[in-house]
Structure formats: C-alpha cells, structure tokens
C-alpha cells in the first residue's frame, strides 16, 4: 500500500501554525517531519512504509513565507527540503520512523546530502511535541553509542517543527510521475552506494 498524497494545487490549510499552512491530521494519526536531503528520495522511502498514511514534500525551517523551489534551491531562504509524514501509531511508532530516517541519510554531514550540497539539503529532525523530542534525542544517543559512524560526529539537528510550506505539484510523488528521470538521478547521486557504506543493507527506494 502506498501512502496518499496530501498535496493539492492550492492547499487550503485547516488551520495555521506561526503563519504557515498546516496539514490536518486525521483522527488517530500523528505527524512527523524529516529533512534528509532531496525530498524526492525521502518521499519514495516513506511512501512504501507500512503505517504511513500520507506524505507531503515541502519547505520548512526558514524565514521566507510561501517559498518556491527555485528560491529554496539558491540556499538563502533558510529552508530545507523536507517531508511531512502522517502515520498511524498503531501500525508504526515514531521511533521506527526515526530508524528509517537515520538509515536513509548520512548523519555525518550538515552541508548537504550525497551529491546535493547546500544548506537547503541539511538533515534535520523537526519535532512536534516533547515526546518526539525525547525519542529523537534518545535515538541520536543510541546511534552515537553504537559506533556505526566510527569517529564521525552526528551533525543532524533536532529542533521544533516550524511552518511547513507544501512544494509545488510537480515535486509531489516525483518518483512515480517521472520514474526514469528519478532513477537516473537516484543512481547518479550516489545515495544508495553511500548508504551501504554506512549502514550495510538498508531500505531505499530506487
């Protein structure tokens, strides 16, 4: 089962959070927000995760309201490419989502991810409440203690969720709409190769 697409051409937010649109979370579900480099790739991973009900690619963490893709790509809006994940806690826990997140990024970089460089691709965990913060910090400690990264430092920031702006329609479900172009990008970016170096066999989406 693939997650639903939350995006609409002109999203009508159910309410507002600090001036930015917020996606309504269905009853019984929860939300998580992760930045792990290119949102095309992160969406492809979480969309096929059992318990994930919907995903939405967008921009967050910056100071420009209603940013566009080209603005964010310049790296001077403060925003990162990110993914909003709506999930059913009865089917998958936030801790399990964190594990998927970690295993699909290079935690030792804060200047980008894989072939994509710049602050707009820095990895960030945006927490929505104190419980998520506690679990995120605990997961980071466990990773530090595991020795997986050897002597490398974990440079992933954990911070409070900020206004989230949905990306343009062309960037939603990009891996499904443009499978050939996505496959060429995914392979050429070296993402899977680097993930194998860090984690061994992991869950990625080609």
N, C-alpha and C. Protein backbone atom coordinates (compact mmCIF):
# COMPACT_ATOMS: atom_id res chain seq x y z
N UNK A 1 0.84 -1.21 0.00
CA UNK A 1 0.00 0.00 0.00
C UNK A 1 0.87 1.25 0.00
N UNK A 2 0.59 2.16 -0.90
CA UNK A 2 1.34 3.40 -0.95
C UNK A 2 0.60 4.48 -0.20
N UNK A 3 1.38 5.37 0.41
CA UNK A 3 0.78 6.47 1.16
C UNK A 3 0.05 7.41 0.21
N UNK A 4 -0.94 8.07 0.75
CA UNK A 4 -1.68 9.05 -0.04
C UNK A 4 -0.85 10.30 -0.25
N UNK A 5 -1.24 11.08 -1.23
CA UNK A 5 -0.62 12.36 -1.49
C UNK A 5 -1.48 13.45 -0.85
N UNK A 6 -0.90 14.23 0.04
CA UNK A 6 -1.65 15.27 0.73
C UNK A 6 -1.69 16.57 -0.05
N UNK A 7 -0.92 16.65 -1.12
CA UNK A 7 -0.82 17.92 -1.81
C UNK A 7 -2.01 18.20 -2.71
N UNK A 8 -2.37 19.46 -2.81
CA UNK A 8 -3.35 19.94 -3.78
C UNK A 8 -2.72 21.13 -4.47
N UNK A 9 -3.15 21.47 -5.70
CA UNK A 9 -2.54 22.60 -6.40
C UNK A 9 -2.54 23.89 -5.59
N UNK A 10 -3.62 24.13 -4.85
CA UNK A 10 -3.69 25.31 -3.99
C UNK A 10 -4.16 24.86 -2.61
N UNK A 11 -3.19 24.37 -1.78
CA UNK A 11 -3.56 23.78 -0.49
C UNK A 11 -4.38 24.75 0.35
N UNK A 12 -5.47 24.25 0.92
CA UNK A 12 -6.29 25.04 1.82
C UNK A 12 -6.05 24.53 3.23
N UNK A 13 -5.22 25.21 4.01
CA UNK A 13 -4.88 24.71 5.34
C UNK A 13 -6.09 24.68 6.25
N UNK A 14 -6.12 23.64 7.10
CA UNK A 14 -7.22 23.53 8.06
C UNK A 14 -7.04 24.55 9.17
N UNK A 15 -5.81 24.90 9.48
CA UNK A 15 -5.53 25.92 10.47
C UNK A 15 -4.15 26.47 10.17
N UNK A 16 -3.65 27.31 11.05
CA UNK A 16 -2.36 27.94 10.81
C UNK A 16 -1.41 27.68 11.97
N UNK A 17 -0.12 27.54 11.68
CA UNK A 17 0.87 27.45 12.73
C UNK A 17 1.96 28.49 12.43
N UNK A 18 2.05 29.48 13.27
CA UNK A 18 3.07 30.52 13.15
C UNK A 18 3.11 31.10 11.75
N UNK A 19 1.95 31.33 11.15
CA UNK A 19 1.92 31.98 9.85
C UNK A 19 2.04 31.08 8.66
N UNK A 20 2.23 29.77 8.88
CA UNK A 20 2.39 28.86 7.76
C UNK A 20 1.26 27.85 7.71
N UNK A 21 1.00 27.27 6.54
CA UNK A 21 -0.07 26.30 6.42
C UNK A 21 0.23 25.03 7.18
N UNK A 22 -0.79 24.46 7.76
CA UNK A 22 -0.63 23.20 8.47
C UNK A 22 -1.60 22.18 7.90
N UNK A 23 -1.14 20.95 7.76
CA UNK A 23 -1.96 19.89 7.20
C UNK A 23 -2.76 19.26 8.34
N UNK A 24 -4.06 19.12 8.11
CA UNK A 24 -4.89 18.48 9.13
C UNK A 24 -4.52 17.02 9.26
N UNK A 25 -4.35 16.58 10.51
CA UNK A 25 -4.00 15.19 10.78
C UNK A 25 -5.27 14.42 11.12
N UNK A 26 -5.57 13.36 10.39
CA UNK A 26 -6.79 12.58 10.66
C UNK A 26 -6.81 12.05 12.09
N UNK A 27 -7.98 11.85 12.61
CA UNK A 27 -8.13 11.32 13.96
C UNK A 27 -7.44 9.96 14.07
N UNK A 28 -6.68 9.78 15.13
CA UNK A 28 -5.98 8.53 15.34
C UNK A 28 -4.61 8.48 14.72
N UNK A 29 -4.25 9.49 13.94
CA UNK A 29 -2.94 9.55 13.30
C UNK A 29 -2.07 10.62 13.96
N UNK A 30 -0.81 10.63 13.61
CA UNK A 30 0.15 11.61 14.12
C UNK A 30 1.00 12.09 12.95
N UNK A 31 1.79 13.15 13.18
CA UNK A 31 2.62 13.69 12.12
C UNK A 31 4.08 13.72 12.55
N UNK A 32 4.94 13.62 11.56
CA UNK A 32 6.38 13.71 11.77
C UNK A 32 6.95 14.51 10.60
N UNK A 33 8.05 15.19 10.83
CA UNK A 33 8.67 15.98 9.76
C UNK A 33 10.17 15.72 9.75
N UNK A 34 10.67 15.31 8.60
CA UNK A 34 12.08 14.98 8.45
C UNK A 34 12.68 15.69 7.23
N UNK A 35 13.89 16.16 7.37
CA UNK A 35 14.66 16.68 6.24
C UNK A 35 15.87 15.78 6.08
N UNK A 36 15.98 15.17 4.91
CA UNK A 36 17.07 14.24 4.68
C UNK A 36 17.67 14.38 3.30
N UNK A 37 17.87 15.63 2.89
CA UNK A 37 18.36 15.87 1.54
C UNK A 37 17.19 15.98 0.58
N UNK A 38 17.36 15.51 -0.62
CA UNK A 38 16.32 15.61 -1.66
C UNK A 38 15.01 15.00 -1.20
N UNK A 39 13.94 15.81 -1.24
CA UNK A 39 12.66 15.27 -0.77
C UNK A 39 12.06 14.24 -1.71
N UNK A 40 12.48 14.21 -2.97
CA UNK A 40 12.01 13.16 -3.87
C UNK A 40 12.37 11.79 -3.29
N UNK A 41 13.62 11.68 -2.82
CA UNK A 41 14.12 10.39 -2.33
C UNK A 41 13.50 10.02 -0.99
N UNK A 42 13.32 10.99 -0.11
CA UNK A 42 12.73 10.69 1.19
C UNK A 42 11.27 10.26 1.03
N UNK A 43 10.56 10.91 0.11
CA UNK A 43 9.17 10.55 -0.13
C UNK A 43 9.07 9.12 -0.66
N UNK A 44 9.97 8.74 -1.54
CA UNK A 44 9.95 7.40 -2.11
C UNK A 44 10.13 6.33 -1.04
N UNK A 45 10.92 6.63 -0.03
CA UNK A 45 11.15 5.68 1.07
C UNK A 45 9.93 5.57 1.98
N UNK A 46 9.44 6.70 2.46
CA UNK A 46 8.36 6.67 3.45
C UNK A 46 7.01 6.28 2.83
N UNK A 47 6.82 6.56 1.56
CA UNK A 47 5.56 6.21 0.92
C UNK A 47 5.27 4.71 0.96
N UNK A 48 6.31 3.90 0.95
CA UNK A 48 6.13 2.45 0.92
C UNK A 48 6.31 1.82 2.30
N UNK A 49 6.29 2.65 3.34
CA UNK A 49 6.43 2.15 4.70
C UNK A 49 5.06 1.85 5.30
N UNK A 50 4.88 0.64 5.78
CA UNK A 50 3.61 0.25 6.37
C UNK A 50 3.29 1.14 7.56
N UNK A 51 2.09 1.64 7.61
CA UNK A 51 1.67 2.52 8.70
C UNK A 51 1.70 3.98 8.35
N UNK A 52 2.42 4.32 7.27
CA UNK A 52 2.44 5.70 6.79
C UNK A 52 1.20 5.91 5.93
N UNK A 53 0.38 6.86 6.32
CA UNK A 53 -0.88 7.10 5.64
C UNK A 53 -0.78 8.11 4.51
N UNK A 54 0.14 9.07 4.64
CA UNK A 54 0.27 10.11 3.62
C UNK A 54 1.60 10.82 3.80
N UNK A 55 2.10 11.40 2.73
CA UNK A 55 3.32 12.20 2.79
C UNK A 55 3.13 13.48 1.98
N UNK A 56 3.92 14.46 2.29
CA UNK A 56 3.85 15.74 1.57
C UNK A 56 5.24 16.35 1.54
N UNK A 57 5.77 16.58 0.36
CA UNK A 57 7.07 17.25 0.21
C UNK A 57 6.87 18.76 0.37
N UNK A 58 7.84 19.41 1.00
CA UNK A 58 7.71 20.85 1.18
C UNK A 58 8.97 21.48 1.72
N UNK A 59 8.80 22.70 2.20
CA UNK A 59 9.92 23.50 2.68
C UNK A 59 9.62 23.98 4.09
N UNK A 60 10.64 23.95 4.94
CA UNK A 60 10.46 24.40 6.32
C UNK A 60 11.81 24.75 6.93
N UNK A 61 11.75 25.42 8.07
CA UNK A 61 12.97 25.76 8.79
C UNK A 61 13.55 27.12 8.47
N UNK A 62 12.91 27.83 7.53
CA UNK A 62 13.46 29.11 7.11
C UNK A 62 12.63 30.31 7.50
N UNK A 63 12.91 31.44 6.87
CA UNK A 63 12.27 32.71 7.24
C UNK A 63 11.47 33.35 6.11
N UNK A 64 11.44 32.72 4.96
CA UNK A 64 10.70 33.25 3.81
C UNK A 64 9.33 32.58 3.76
N UNK A 65 8.26 33.36 3.71
CA UNK A 65 6.92 32.80 3.64
C UNK A 65 6.60 32.35 2.21
N UNK A 66 5.91 31.23 2.12
CA UNK A 66 5.47 30.70 0.83
C UNK A 66 6.60 30.62 -0.20
N UNK A 67 7.71 29.99 0.16
CA UNK A 67 8.85 29.92 -0.76
C UNK A 67 8.55 29.02 -1.96
N UNK A 68 9.25 29.29 -3.04
CA UNK A 68 9.16 28.46 -4.23
C UNK A 68 10.45 27.65 -4.36
N UNK A 69 10.38 26.61 -5.17
CA UNK A 69 11.50 25.69 -5.33
C UNK A 69 12.78 26.41 -5.73
N UNK A 70 12.69 27.29 -6.70
CA UNK A 70 13.88 27.98 -7.18
C UNK A 70 14.49 28.86 -6.08
N UNK A 71 13.65 29.46 -5.25
CA UNK A 71 14.16 30.26 -4.14
C UNK A 71 14.93 29.39 -3.16
N UNK A 72 14.33 28.26 -2.79
CA UNK A 72 14.95 27.38 -1.83
C UNK A 72 16.26 26.82 -2.37
N UNK A 73 16.29 26.51 -3.66
CA UNK A 73 17.50 25.96 -4.28
C UNK A 73 18.68 26.91 -4.21
N UNK A 74 18.42 28.22 -4.13
CA UNK A 74 19.51 29.19 -4.02
C UNK A 74 20.20 29.12 -2.66
N UNK A 75 19.53 28.52 -1.68
CA UNK A 75 20.16 28.30 -0.39
C UNK A 75 20.16 29.48 0.55
N UNK A 76 19.38 30.54 0.24
CA UNK A 76 19.42 31.72 1.09
C UNK A 76 18.06 32.03 1.73
N UNK A 77 17.15 31.05 1.77
CA UNK A 77 15.85 31.26 2.41
C UNK A 77 15.83 30.71 3.83
N UNK A 78 16.85 29.93 4.19
CA UNK A 78 16.87 29.27 5.49
C UNK A 78 16.09 27.96 5.50
N UNK A 79 15.32 27.71 4.44
CA UNK A 79 14.50 26.50 4.39
C UNK A 79 15.31 25.28 3.95
N UNK A 80 14.80 24.11 4.33
CA UNK A 80 15.31 22.85 3.83
C UNK A 80 14.21 22.15 3.06
N UNK A 81 14.61 21.28 2.15
CA UNK A 81 13.64 20.37 1.55
C UNK A 81 13.28 19.35 2.62
N UNK A 82 12.00 19.16 2.86
CA UNK A 82 11.57 18.29 3.95
C UNK A 82 10.35 17.49 3.56
N UNK A 83 10.02 16.51 4.40
CA UNK A 83 8.87 15.65 4.15
C UNK A 83 8.00 15.60 5.40
N UNK A 84 6.72 15.93 5.22
CA UNK A 84 5.73 15.77 6.28
C UNK A 84 5.15 14.37 6.15
N UNK A 85 5.16 13.61 7.23
CA UNK A 85 4.70 12.23 7.23
C UNK A 85 3.51 12.11 8.18
N UNK A 86 2.39 11.62 7.68
CA UNK A 86 1.23 11.32 8.50
C UNK A 86 1.20 9.81 8.70
N UNK A 87 1.19 9.38 9.96
CA UNK A 87 1.30 7.94 10.22
C UNK A 87 0.32 7.49 11.29
N UNK A 88 0.06 6.20 11.28
CA UNK A 88 -0.83 5.58 12.25
C UNK A 88 0.02 4.94 13.34
N UNK A 89 0.05 5.49 14.56
CA UNK A 89 0.89 4.96 15.63
C UNK A 89 0.56 3.52 16.02
N UNK A 90 -0.62 3.05 15.63
CA UNK A 90 -0.97 1.67 15.93
C UNK A 90 -0.26 0.70 14.98
N UNK A 91 0.19 1.22 13.86
CA UNK A 91 0.86 0.38 12.87
C UNK A 91 2.37 0.59 12.85
N UNK A 92 2.81 1.80 13.15
CA UNK A 92 4.24 2.09 13.17
C UNK A 92 4.49 3.19 14.19
N UNK A 93 5.53 3.04 14.97
CA UNK A 93 5.83 4.02 16.01
C UNK A 93 6.72 5.12 15.48
N UNK A 94 6.75 6.22 16.22
CA UNK A 94 7.65 7.32 15.83
C UNK A 94 9.10 6.86 15.90
N UNK A 95 9.42 6.02 16.87
CA UNK A 95 10.79 5.50 16.98
C UNK A 95 11.18 4.70 15.74
N UNK A 96 10.23 3.96 15.20
CA UNK A 96 10.51 3.20 13.98
C UNK A 96 10.71 4.12 12.79
N UNK A 97 9.94 5.21 12.74
CA UNK A 97 10.14 6.19 11.68
C UNK A 97 11.53 6.82 11.79
N UNK A 98 11.95 7.10 13.00
CA UNK A 98 13.28 7.66 13.22
C UNK A 98 14.36 6.72 12.68
N UNK A 99 14.18 5.43 12.95
CA UNK A 99 15.16 4.46 12.48
C UNK A 99 15.24 4.46 10.96
N UNK A 100 14.09 4.56 10.29
CA UNK A 100 14.08 4.63 8.82
C UNK A 100 14.77 5.91 8.36
N UNK A 101 14.49 7.01 9.04
CA UNK A 101 15.14 8.27 8.69
C UNK A 101 16.65 8.16 8.76
N UNK A 102 17.16 7.70 9.92
CA UNK A 102 18.61 7.62 10.11
C UNK A 102 19.26 6.79 9.01
N UNK A 103 18.62 5.67 8.67
CA UNK A 103 19.22 4.73 7.73
C UNK A 103 19.09 5.16 6.28
N UNK A 104 18.51 6.32 6.06
CA UNK A 104 18.42 6.85 4.70
C UNK A 104 19.10 8.19 4.54
N UNK A 105 19.96 8.53 5.50
CA UNK A 105 20.76 9.75 5.39
C UNK A 105 22.20 9.46 5.78
N UNK A 106 23.05 10.44 5.54
CA UNK A 106 24.43 10.42 6.04
C UNK A 106 24.47 11.37 7.23
N UNK A 107 24.42 10.84 8.46
CA UNK A 107 24.33 11.69 9.65
C UNK A 107 25.59 12.52 9.92
N UNK A 108 26.66 12.22 9.23
CA UNK A 108 27.92 12.91 9.47
C UNK A 108 28.07 14.19 8.66
N UNK A 109 27.05 14.54 7.88
CA UNK A 109 27.12 15.75 7.06
C UNK A 109 26.02 16.74 7.43
N UNK A 110 26.38 18.00 7.47
CA UNK A 110 25.38 19.05 7.66
C UNK A 110 25.46 20.11 6.57
N UNK A 111 26.22 19.79 5.50
CA UNK A 111 26.37 20.71 4.37
C UNK A 111 25.64 20.22 3.14
N UNK A 112 24.76 19.24 3.34
CA UNK A 112 24.04 18.65 2.24
C UNK A 112 23.94 17.16 2.44
N UNK A 113 23.47 16.46 1.44
CA UNK A 113 23.36 15.01 1.48
C UNK A 113 23.71 14.45 0.11
N UNK A 114 24.69 13.52 0.11
CA UNK A 114 25.10 12.83 -1.10
C UNK A 114 25.57 13.84 -2.15
N UNK A 115 25.01 13.84 -3.36
CA UNK A 115 25.51 14.76 -4.39
C UNK A 115 24.93 16.16 -4.25
N UNK A 116 23.94 16.33 -3.38
CA UNK A 116 23.29 17.63 -3.22
C UNK A 116 23.94 18.40 -2.07
N UNK A 117 24.52 19.54 -2.38
CA UNK A 117 25.18 20.32 -1.36
C UNK A 117 24.48 21.67 -1.18
N UNK A 118 24.61 22.20 0.02
CA UNK A 118 23.99 23.48 0.35
C UNK A 118 23.11 23.34 1.57
N UNK A 119 22.86 24.45 2.25
CA UNK A 119 22.07 24.41 3.48
C UNK A 119 20.65 23.91 3.28
N UNK A 120 20.12 24.02 2.06
CA UNK A 120 18.76 23.56 1.80
C UNK A 120 18.64 22.04 1.82
N UNK A 121 19.78 21.35 1.86
CA UNK A 121 19.77 19.88 1.90
C UNK A 121 20.30 19.33 3.23
N UNK A 122 20.46 20.20 4.22
CA UNK A 122 20.98 19.72 5.51
C UNK A 122 19.94 18.83 6.20
N UNK A 123 20.39 17.80 6.93
CA UNK A 123 19.45 16.90 7.59
C UNK A 123 18.96 17.47 8.92
N UNK A 124 17.66 17.41 9.13
CA UNK A 124 17.04 17.96 10.34
C UNK A 124 15.87 17.06 10.75
N UNK A 125 15.71 16.88 12.07
CA UNK A 125 14.51 16.25 12.60
C UNK A 125 13.69 17.36 13.25
N UNK A 126 12.51 17.61 12.72
CA UNK A 126 11.62 18.63 13.27
C UNK A 126 10.60 17.93 14.17
N UNK A 127 10.65 18.21 15.46
CA UNK A 127 9.77 17.52 16.41
C UNK A 127 8.51 18.32 16.66
N UNK A 128 7.40 17.62 16.85
CA UNK A 128 6.09 18.26 17.01
C UNK A 128 5.63 18.33 18.46
N UNK A 129 6.33 17.65 19.36
CA UNK A 129 5.97 17.74 20.78
C UNK A 129 7.15 17.23 21.61
N UNK A 130 7.01 17.32 22.92
CA UNK A 130 8.09 16.93 23.82
C UNK A 130 8.42 15.45 23.71
N UNK A 131 7.40 14.63 23.50
CA UNK A 131 7.65 13.20 23.39
C UNK A 131 8.50 12.88 22.16
N UNK A 132 8.19 13.52 21.04
CA UNK A 132 9.00 13.31 19.85
C UNK A 132 10.43 13.79 20.08
N UNK A 133 10.59 14.91 20.75
CA UNK A 133 11.94 15.42 21.03
C UNK A 133 12.72 14.40 21.86
N UNK A 134 12.08 13.88 22.90
CA UNK A 134 12.75 12.90 23.76
C UNK A 134 13.16 11.66 22.98
N UNK A 135 12.27 11.17 22.13
CA UNK A 135 12.57 9.98 21.36
C UNK A 135 13.66 10.26 20.32
N UNK A 136 13.61 11.44 19.70
CA UNK A 136 14.63 11.79 18.72
C UNK A 136 16.01 11.91 19.37
N UNK A 137 16.06 12.54 20.51
CA UNK A 137 17.34 12.69 21.21
C UNK A 137 17.86 11.34 21.68
N UNK A 138 16.96 10.48 22.12
CA UNK A 138 17.36 9.14 22.54
C UNK A 138 17.90 8.34 21.35
N UNK A 139 17.24 8.47 20.21
CA UNK A 139 17.71 7.73 19.03
C UNK A 139 19.08 8.22 18.58
N UNK A 140 19.31 9.53 18.72
CA UNK A 140 20.63 10.07 18.37
C UNK A 140 21.70 9.55 19.32
N UNK A 141 21.37 9.48 20.61
CA UNK A 141 22.33 8.93 21.58
C UNK A 141 22.65 7.47 21.28
N UNK A 142 21.63 6.70 20.95
CA UNK A 142 21.85 5.29 20.63
C UNK A 142 22.76 5.15 19.41
N UNK A 143 22.56 6.02 18.42
CA UNK A 143 23.41 5.97 17.24
C UNK A 143 24.85 6.32 17.60
N UNK A 144 25.03 7.33 18.44
CA UNK A 144 26.37 7.71 18.88
C UNK A 144 27.05 6.56 19.60
N UNK A 145 26.30 5.89 20.45
CA UNK A 145 26.86 4.81 21.26
C UNK A 145 27.09 3.53 20.47
N UNK A 146 26.41 3.40 19.32
CA UNK A 146 26.52 2.18 18.53
C UNK A 146 27.87 2.03 17.85
N UNK A 147 28.54 3.15 17.58
CA UNK A 147 29.82 3.11 16.89
C UNK A 147 29.72 2.92 15.40
N UNK A 148 28.50 2.95 14.87
CA UNK A 148 28.31 2.75 13.43
C UNK A 148 29.09 3.78 12.62
N UNK A 149 29.10 5.00 13.11
CA UNK A 149 29.78 6.08 12.37
C UNK A 149 31.25 6.19 12.71
N UNK A 150 31.74 5.25 13.54
CA UNK A 150 33.15 5.23 13.95
C UNK A 150 33.50 6.56 14.62
N UNK A 151 34.43 7.31 14.05
CA UNK A 151 34.85 8.56 14.70
C UNK A 151 34.10 9.79 14.21
N UNK A 152 33.19 9.60 13.29
CA UNK A 152 32.46 10.74 12.73
C UNK A 152 31.42 11.26 13.72
N UNK A 153 31.22 12.56 13.71
CA UNK A 153 30.21 13.18 14.57
C UNK A 153 28.85 13.15 13.90
N UNK A 154 27.80 13.10 14.70
CA UNK A 154 26.44 13.20 14.18
C UNK A 154 26.07 14.67 14.11
N UNK A 155 25.80 15.16 12.92
CA UNK A 155 25.57 16.59 12.71
C UNK A 155 24.10 16.92 12.44
N UNK A 156 23.23 15.96 12.65
CA UNK A 156 21.81 16.18 12.43
C UNK A 156 21.22 17.02 13.57
N UNK A 157 20.52 18.06 13.21
CA UNK A 157 19.90 18.96 14.19
C UNK A 157 18.51 18.45 14.55
N UNK A 158 18.17 18.52 15.83
CA UNK A 158 16.81 18.24 16.30
C UNK A 158 16.23 19.55 16.79
N UNK A 159 15.13 19.97 16.19
CA UNK A 159 14.56 21.27 16.53
C UNK A 159 13.04 21.23 16.45
N UNK A 160 12.39 22.23 17.02
CA UNK A 160 10.94 22.28 16.99
C UNK A 160 10.42 22.46 15.57
N UNK A 161 9.27 21.84 15.30
CA UNK A 161 8.63 22.00 13.99
C UNK A 161 8.31 23.46 13.74
N UNK A 162 8.50 23.87 12.51
CA UNK A 162 8.26 25.25 12.09
C UNK A 162 7.23 25.26 10.97
N UNK A 163 6.78 26.44 10.55
CA UNK A 163 5.83 26.49 9.43
C UNK A 163 6.30 25.66 8.25
N UNK A 164 5.40 24.85 7.72
CA UNK A 164 5.72 23.93 6.63
C UNK A 164 4.94 24.36 5.39
N UNK A 165 5.66 24.60 4.30
CA UNK A 165 5.04 25.06 3.07
C UNK A 165 5.11 23.96 2.01
N UNK A 166 3.97 23.45 1.56
CA UNK A 166 3.97 22.39 0.55
C UNK A 166 4.72 22.81 -0.72
N UNK A 167 5.48 21.89 -1.25
CA UNK A 167 6.19 22.14 -2.51
C UNK A 167 5.20 22.13 -3.67
N UNK A 168 5.64 22.61 -4.81
CA UNK A 168 4.81 22.66 -5.99
C UNK A 168 4.38 21.26 -6.41
N UNK A 169 3.26 21.19 -7.12
CA UNK A 169 2.68 19.91 -7.52
C UNK A 169 3.68 19.03 -8.28
N UNK A 170 4.54 19.63 -9.08
CA UNK A 170 5.48 18.84 -9.88
C UNK A 170 6.47 18.08 -9.03
N UNK A 171 6.64 18.50 -7.78
CA UNK A 171 7.59 17.82 -6.89
C UNK A 171 6.93 16.78 -5.99
N UNK A 172 5.61 16.73 -5.99
CA UNK A 172 4.91 15.70 -5.23
C UNK A 172 4.91 14.38 -6.01
N UNK A 173 5.28 13.29 -5.32
CA UNK A 173 5.30 11.97 -5.97
C UNK A 173 6.17 11.97 -7.22
N UNK A 174 7.27 12.71 -7.18
CA UNK A 174 8.12 12.83 -8.35
C UNK A 174 8.61 11.47 -8.84
N UNK A 175 8.94 10.61 -7.90
CA UNK A 175 9.49 9.30 -8.28
C UNK A 175 8.47 8.44 -9.03
N UNK A 176 7.19 8.69 -8.82
CA UNK A 176 6.15 7.95 -9.54
C UNK A 176 5.80 8.63 -10.87
N UNK A 177 5.80 9.95 -10.87
CA UNK A 177 5.45 10.68 -12.08
C UNK A 177 6.56 10.63 -13.14
N UNK A 178 7.80 10.59 -12.68
CA UNK A 178 8.95 10.63 -13.59
C UNK A 178 9.93 9.51 -13.22
N UNK A 179 9.52 8.25 -13.38
CA UNK A 179 10.35 7.14 -12.91
C UNK A 179 11.73 7.05 -13.54
N UNK A 180 11.84 7.33 -14.84
CA UNK A 180 13.13 7.24 -15.49
C UNK A 180 14.06 8.34 -15.01
N UNK A 181 13.58 9.57 -15.00
CA UNK A 181 14.41 10.69 -14.56
C UNK A 181 14.80 10.51 -13.09
N UNK A 182 13.86 10.03 -12.30
CA UNK A 182 14.16 9.81 -10.88
C UNK A 182 15.24 8.73 -10.72
N UNK A 183 15.11 7.64 -11.47
CA UNK A 183 16.08 6.55 -11.37
C UNK A 183 17.49 7.02 -11.75
N UNK A 184 17.56 7.82 -12.81
CA UNK A 184 18.86 8.34 -13.24
C UNK A 184 19.46 9.26 -12.17
N UNK A 185 18.63 10.11 -11.59
CA UNK A 185 19.10 10.99 -10.52
C UNK A 185 19.54 10.18 -9.31
N UNK A 186 18.71 9.24 -8.89
CA UNK A 186 18.99 8.45 -7.69
C UNK A 186 20.30 7.70 -7.82
N UNK A 187 20.51 7.08 -8.97
CA UNK A 187 21.75 6.34 -9.19
C UNK A 187 22.95 7.27 -9.30
N UNK A 188 22.78 8.34 -10.06
CA UNK A 188 23.89 9.25 -10.28
C UNK A 188 24.32 10.00 -9.05
N UNK A 189 23.40 10.18 -8.10
CA UNK A 189 23.71 10.95 -6.90
C UNK A 189 24.56 10.15 -5.91
N UNK A 190 24.65 8.84 -6.09
CA UNK A 190 25.47 8.02 -5.20
C UNK A 190 24.84 7.77 -3.84
N UNK A 191 23.55 8.00 -3.74
CA UNK A 191 22.87 7.87 -2.44
C UNK A 191 22.94 6.43 -1.92
N UNK A 192 22.54 5.49 -2.76
CA UNK A 192 22.50 4.09 -2.31
C UNK A 192 23.89 3.57 -1.97
N UNK A 193 24.88 3.94 -2.76
CA UNK A 193 26.24 3.50 -2.51
C UNK A 193 26.75 3.99 -1.16
N UNK A 194 26.50 5.27 -0.86
CA UNK A 194 26.95 5.82 0.42
C UNK A 194 26.19 5.21 1.58
N UNK A 195 24.90 4.97 1.42
CA UNK A 195 24.12 4.35 2.49
C UNK A 195 24.63 2.95 2.80
N UNK A 196 25.04 2.21 1.77
CA UNK A 196 25.60 0.87 2.02
C UNK A 196 26.91 0.97 2.78
N UNK A 197 27.71 1.99 2.48
CA UNK A 197 28.97 2.17 3.19
C UNK A 197 28.74 2.40 4.68
N UNK A 198 27.69 3.16 4.99
CA UNK A 198 27.42 3.50 6.39
C UNK A 198 26.68 2.38 7.11
N UNK A 199 25.61 1.91 6.50
CA UNK A 199 24.66 1.05 7.20
C UNK A 199 24.65 -0.40 6.75
N UNK A 200 25.28 -0.70 5.61
CA UNK A 200 25.10 -2.03 5.03
C UNK A 200 23.81 -2.03 4.25
N UNK A 201 23.08 -3.12 4.25
CA UNK A 201 21.81 -3.20 3.54
C UNK A 201 20.79 -2.35 4.27
N UNK A 202 20.11 -1.48 3.55
CA UNK A 202 19.13 -0.58 4.16
C UNK A 202 17.94 -0.43 3.24
N UNK A 203 16.93 0.25 3.71
CA UNK A 203 15.73 0.45 2.89
C UNK A 203 15.87 1.73 2.10
N UNK A 204 15.98 1.61 0.81
CA UNK A 204 15.98 2.77 -0.07
C UNK A 204 14.96 2.52 -1.16
N UNK A 205 14.64 3.55 -1.89
CA UNK A 205 13.70 3.41 -3.00
C UNK A 205 14.36 3.89 -4.26
N UNK A 206 14.46 3.04 -5.25
CA UNK A 206 15.13 3.39 -6.49
C UNK A 206 14.15 4.09 -7.43
